[in-house]
Amino acid sequence: MIALYRRIYNFDSPLFWYATSSVPPIHIIVKNGHVTLKGIVANQGDSDLAYIAAGQVSGVFDVKNELQVEQRVDEKVSRK
């Protein structure tokens, strides 16, 4: 589903920078109109944006958001 990829990684989208890495960290899995988003994003806002963008694509029936927010080093230290 190219339209889904383009919707999430559009060059004027805040999520575009994810597409510039050799292996984009947002994995888009499509099966019969059902979309699953997997991977790691920098913050909850990016996770929400990807979820909303995926849901706006024609032919998508539902979206399961399994994106995880990466923990920054300073957050890991403060939790110990």
N, C-alpha and C. Protein backbone atom coordinates (compact mmCIF):
# COMPACT_ATOMS: atom_id res chain seq x y z
N MET A 1 0.83 -1.18 0.00
CA MET A 1 0.00 0.00 0.00
C MET A 1 0.88 1.25 0.00
N ILE A 2 1.20 1.68 -1.17
CA ILE A 2 2.07 2.85 -1.35
C ILE A 2 1.44 4.11 -0.74
N ALA A 3 0.13 4.25 -0.86
CA ALA A 3 -0.54 5.44 -0.33
C ALA A 3 -0.32 5.57 1.17
N LEU A 4 -0.29 4.47 1.87
CA LEU A 4 -0.07 4.48 3.31
C LEU A 4 1.35 4.93 3.64
N TYR A 5 2.32 4.37 2.93
CA TYR A 5 3.72 4.78 3.11
C TYR A 5 3.88 6.27 2.84
N ARG A 6 3.30 6.74 1.75
CA ARG A 6 3.41 8.16 1.39
C ARG A 6 2.73 9.06 2.42
N ARG A 7 1.62 8.60 2.97
CA ARG A 7 0.89 9.40 3.95
C ARG A 7 1.72 9.59 5.23
N ILE A 8 2.38 8.53 5.67
CA ILE A 8 3.17 8.60 6.90
C ILE A 8 4.49 9.33 6.68
N TYR A 9 5.17 9.01 5.58
CA TYR A 9 6.51 9.54 5.34
C TYR A 9 6.55 10.73 4.38
N ASN A 10 5.44 11.39 4.11
CA ASN A 10 5.40 12.53 3.20
C ASN A 10 6.48 13.56 3.59
N PHE A 11 7.11 14.16 2.57
CA PHE A 11 8.25 15.04 2.87
C PHE A 11 7.89 16.25 3.72
N ASP A 12 6.64 16.68 3.74
CA ASP A 12 6.28 17.82 4.60
C ASP A 12 5.65 17.36 5.93
N SER A 13 5.76 16.06 6.20
CA SER A 13 5.27 15.50 7.46
C SER A 13 6.36 15.56 8.52
N PRO A 14 6.00 15.76 9.79
CA PRO A 14 7.00 15.70 10.86
C PRO A 14 7.67 14.34 10.97
N LEU A 15 7.07 13.32 10.34
CA LEU A 15 7.62 11.97 10.40
C LEU A 15 8.60 11.68 9.26
N PHE A 16 8.81 12.64 8.36
CA PHE A 16 9.67 12.42 7.19
C PHE A 16 11.07 11.98 7.57
N TRP A 17 11.62 12.52 8.65
CA TRP A 17 13.00 12.20 9.01
C TRP A 17 13.17 10.71 9.31
N TYR A 18 12.09 10.02 9.70
CA TYR A 18 12.19 8.57 9.93
C TYR A 18 12.49 7.84 8.62
N ALA A 19 11.99 8.36 7.51
CA ALA A 19 12.17 7.71 6.21
C ALA A 19 13.59 7.89 5.67
N THR A 20 14.36 8.80 6.23
CA THR A 20 15.69 9.07 5.70
C THR A 20 16.76 8.09 6.19
N SER A 21 16.44 7.27 7.17
CA SER A 21 17.42 6.29 7.63
C SER A 21 17.40 5.07 6.70
N SER A 22 18.48 4.32 6.69
CA SER A 22 18.58 3.18 5.76
C SER A 22 17.50 2.14 6.03
N VAL A 23 17.11 1.98 7.28
CA VAL A 23 15.99 1.10 7.64
C VAL A 23 15.03 1.93 8.49
N PRO A 24 13.95 2.41 7.88
CA PRO A 24 13.02 3.24 8.65
C PRO A 24 12.52 2.52 9.90
N PRO A 25 12.52 3.20 11.06
CA PRO A 25 12.15 2.55 12.30
C PRO A 25 10.65 2.29 12.46
N ILE A 26 9.83 2.88 11.59
CA ILE A 26 8.40 2.59 11.63
C ILE A 26 8.11 1.55 10.56
N HIS A 27 7.71 0.37 11.00
CA HIS A 27 7.40 -0.71 10.08
C HIS A 27 5.89 -0.76 9.88
N ILE A 28 5.47 -0.76 8.62
CA ILE A 28 4.06 -0.72 8.27
C ILE A 28 3.68 -2.09 7.71
N ILE A 29 2.80 -2.77 8.42
CA ILE A 29 2.37 -4.11 8.01
C ILE A 29 0.89 -4.02 7.63
N VAL A 30 0.58 -4.45 6.39
CA VAL A 30 -0.79 -4.36 5.89
C VAL A 30 -1.26 -5.76 5.50
N LYS A 31 -2.44 -6.11 5.98
CA LYS A 31 -3.05 -7.39 5.59
C LYS A 31 -4.55 -7.17 5.45
N ASN A 32 -5.02 -7.24 4.21
CA ASN A 32 -6.45 -7.10 3.91
C ASN A 32 -7.06 -5.82 4.50
N GLY A 33 -6.36 -4.71 4.38
CA GLY A 33 -6.88 -3.43 4.87
C GLY A 33 -6.68 -3.18 6.35
N HIS A 34 -6.08 -4.13 7.04
CA HIS A 34 -5.79 -3.97 8.46
C HIS A 34 -4.30 -3.62 8.59
N VAL A 35 -4.01 -2.53 9.26
CA VAL A 35 -2.65 -2.02 9.35
C VAL A 35 -2.12 -2.18 10.77
N THR A 36 -0.87 -2.63 10.86
CA THR A 36 -0.17 -2.67 12.14
C THR A 36 1.08 -1.83 12.00
N LEU A 37 1.29 -0.92 12.92
CA LEU A 37 2.50 -0.10 12.97
C LEU A 37 3.39 -0.64 14.07
N LYS A 38 4.62 -0.98 13.72
CA LYS A 38 5.57 -1.50 14.71
C LYS A 38 6.86 -0.72 14.60
N GLY A 39 7.63 -0.71 15.67
CA GLY A 39 8.92 -0.05 15.66
C GLY A 39 9.08 0.88 16.84
N ILE A 40 10.07 1.74 16.72
CA ILE A 40 10.41 2.66 17.80
C ILE A 40 10.41 4.08 17.25
N VAL A 41 9.76 4.98 17.97
CA VAL A 41 9.73 6.40 17.60
C VAL A 41 10.29 7.22 18.75
N ALA A 42 10.62 8.47 18.47
CA ALA A 42 11.28 9.33 19.46
C ALA A 42 10.35 9.77 20.58
N ASN A 43 9.05 9.94 20.29
CA ASN A 43 8.15 10.44 21.32
C ASN A 43 6.72 10.00 21.04
N GLN A 44 5.86 10.21 22.02
CA GLN A 44 4.45 9.80 21.90
C GLN A 44 3.74 10.56 20.79
N GLY A 45 4.11 11.80 20.57
CA GLY A 45 3.50 12.60 19.51
C GLY A 45 3.72 11.98 18.13
N ASP A 46 4.93 11.47 17.88
CA ASP A 46 5.21 10.82 16.60
C ASP A 46 4.40 9.54 16.45
N SER A 47 4.24 8.81 17.53
CA SER A 47 3.41 7.60 17.51
C SER A 47 1.97 7.95 17.15
N ASP A 48 1.45 8.99 17.77
CA ASP A 48 0.09 9.42 17.51
C ASP A 48 -0.08 9.91 16.07
N LEU A 49 0.90 10.67 15.56
CA LEU A 49 0.84 11.17 14.19
C LEU A 49 0.81 10.03 13.18
N ALA A 50 1.64 9.02 13.38
CA ALA A 50 1.67 7.87 12.47
C ALA A 50 0.34 7.13 12.50
N TYR A 51 -0.21 6.96 13.68
CA TYR A 51 -1.51 6.29 13.84
C TYR A 51 -2.62 7.05 13.11
N ILE A 52 -2.66 8.35 13.31
CA ILE A 52 -3.69 9.18 12.67
C ILE A 52 -3.52 9.17 11.16
N ALA A 53 -2.29 9.33 10.69
CA ALA A 53 -2.02 9.34 9.25
C ALA A 53 -2.44 8.02 8.60
N ALA A 54 -2.14 6.91 9.24
CA ALA A 54 -2.50 5.61 8.69
C ALA A 54 -4.01 5.46 8.60
N GLY A 55 -4.72 5.94 9.57
CA GLY A 55 -6.17 5.82 9.59
C GLY A 55 -6.87 6.67 8.54
N GLN A 56 -6.17 7.64 7.98
CA GLN A 56 -6.77 8.53 6.98
C GLN A 56 -6.63 8.03 5.55
N VAL A 57 -5.99 6.89 5.36
CA VAL A 57 -5.75 6.37 4.01
C VAL A 57 -6.96 5.56 3.56
N SER A 58 -7.38 5.80 2.33
CA SER A 58 -8.49 5.07 1.75
C SER A 58 -8.15 3.58 1.67
N GLY A 59 -9.09 2.73 2.07
CA GLY A 59 -8.88 1.29 2.02
C GLY A 59 -8.38 0.70 3.33
N VAL A 60 -8.03 1.55 4.28
CA VAL A 60 -7.59 1.08 5.59
C VAL A 60 -8.82 0.96 6.49
N PHE A 61 -9.03 -0.25 7.02
CA PHE A 61 -10.21 -0.50 7.86
C PHE A 61 -9.92 -0.25 9.34
N ASP A 62 -8.75 -0.64 9.79
CA ASP A 62 -8.38 -0.35 11.17
C ASP A 62 -6.87 -0.32 11.30
N VAL A 63 -6.40 0.34 12.34
CA VAL A 63 -4.97 0.51 12.58
C VAL A 63 -4.66 0.06 14.00
N LYS A 64 -3.67 -0.80 14.11
CA LYS A 64 -3.19 -1.25 15.42
C LYS A 64 -1.83 -0.58 15.63
N ASN A 65 -1.74 0.22 16.65
CA ASN A 65 -0.51 0.97 16.90
C ASN A 65 0.34 0.25 17.95
N GLU A 66 1.41 -0.39 17.49
CA GLU A 66 2.34 -1.07 18.39
C GLU A 66 3.69 -0.35 18.45
N LEU A 67 3.68 0.93 18.08
CA LEU A 67 4.91 1.70 18.14
C LEU A 67 5.31 1.94 19.59
N GLN A 68 6.59 1.83 19.85
CA GLN A 68 7.11 2.07 21.19
C GLN A 68 7.90 3.38 21.19
N VAL A 69 7.83 4.09 22.28
CA VAL A 69 8.59 5.34 22.42
C VAL A 69 9.94 5.00 23.03
N GLU A 70 11.00 5.46 22.36
CA GLU A 70 12.34 5.16 22.86
C GLU A 70 12.59 5.88 24.18
N GLN A 71 13.35 5.24 25.04
CA GLN A 71 13.74 5.86 26.29
C GLN A 71 15.07 6.57 26.07
N ARG A 72 15.13 7.81 26.48
CA ARG A 72 16.38 8.54 26.38
C ARG A 72 17.29 8.11 27.52
N VAL A 73 18.58 8.31 27.35
CA VAL A 73 19.56 7.90 28.36
C VAL A 73 19.29 8.56 29.70
N ASP A 74 18.97 9.86 29.73
CA ASP A 74 18.74 10.55 30.99
C ASP A 74 17.49 10.02 31.71
N GLU A 75 16.48 9.51 30.96
CA GLU A 75 15.32 8.92 31.58
C GLU A 75 15.66 7.58 32.21
N LYS A 76 16.53 6.80 31.56
CA LYS A 76 16.93 5.51 32.10
C LYS A 76 17.70 5.69 33.40
N VAL A 77 18.58 6.68 33.46
CA VAL A 77 19.37 6.94 34.66
C VAL A 77 18.50 7.37 35.81
N SER A 78 17.53 8.23 35.56
CA SER A 78 16.69 8.76 36.63
C SER A 78 15.74 7.70 37.21
N ARG A 79 15.50 6.63 36.50
CA ARG A 79 14.59 5.58 36.98
C ARG A 79 15.31 4.56 37.86
N LYS A 80 16.61 4.60 37.94
CA LYS A 80 17.34 3.62 38.75
C LYS A 80 17.34 3.98 40.20
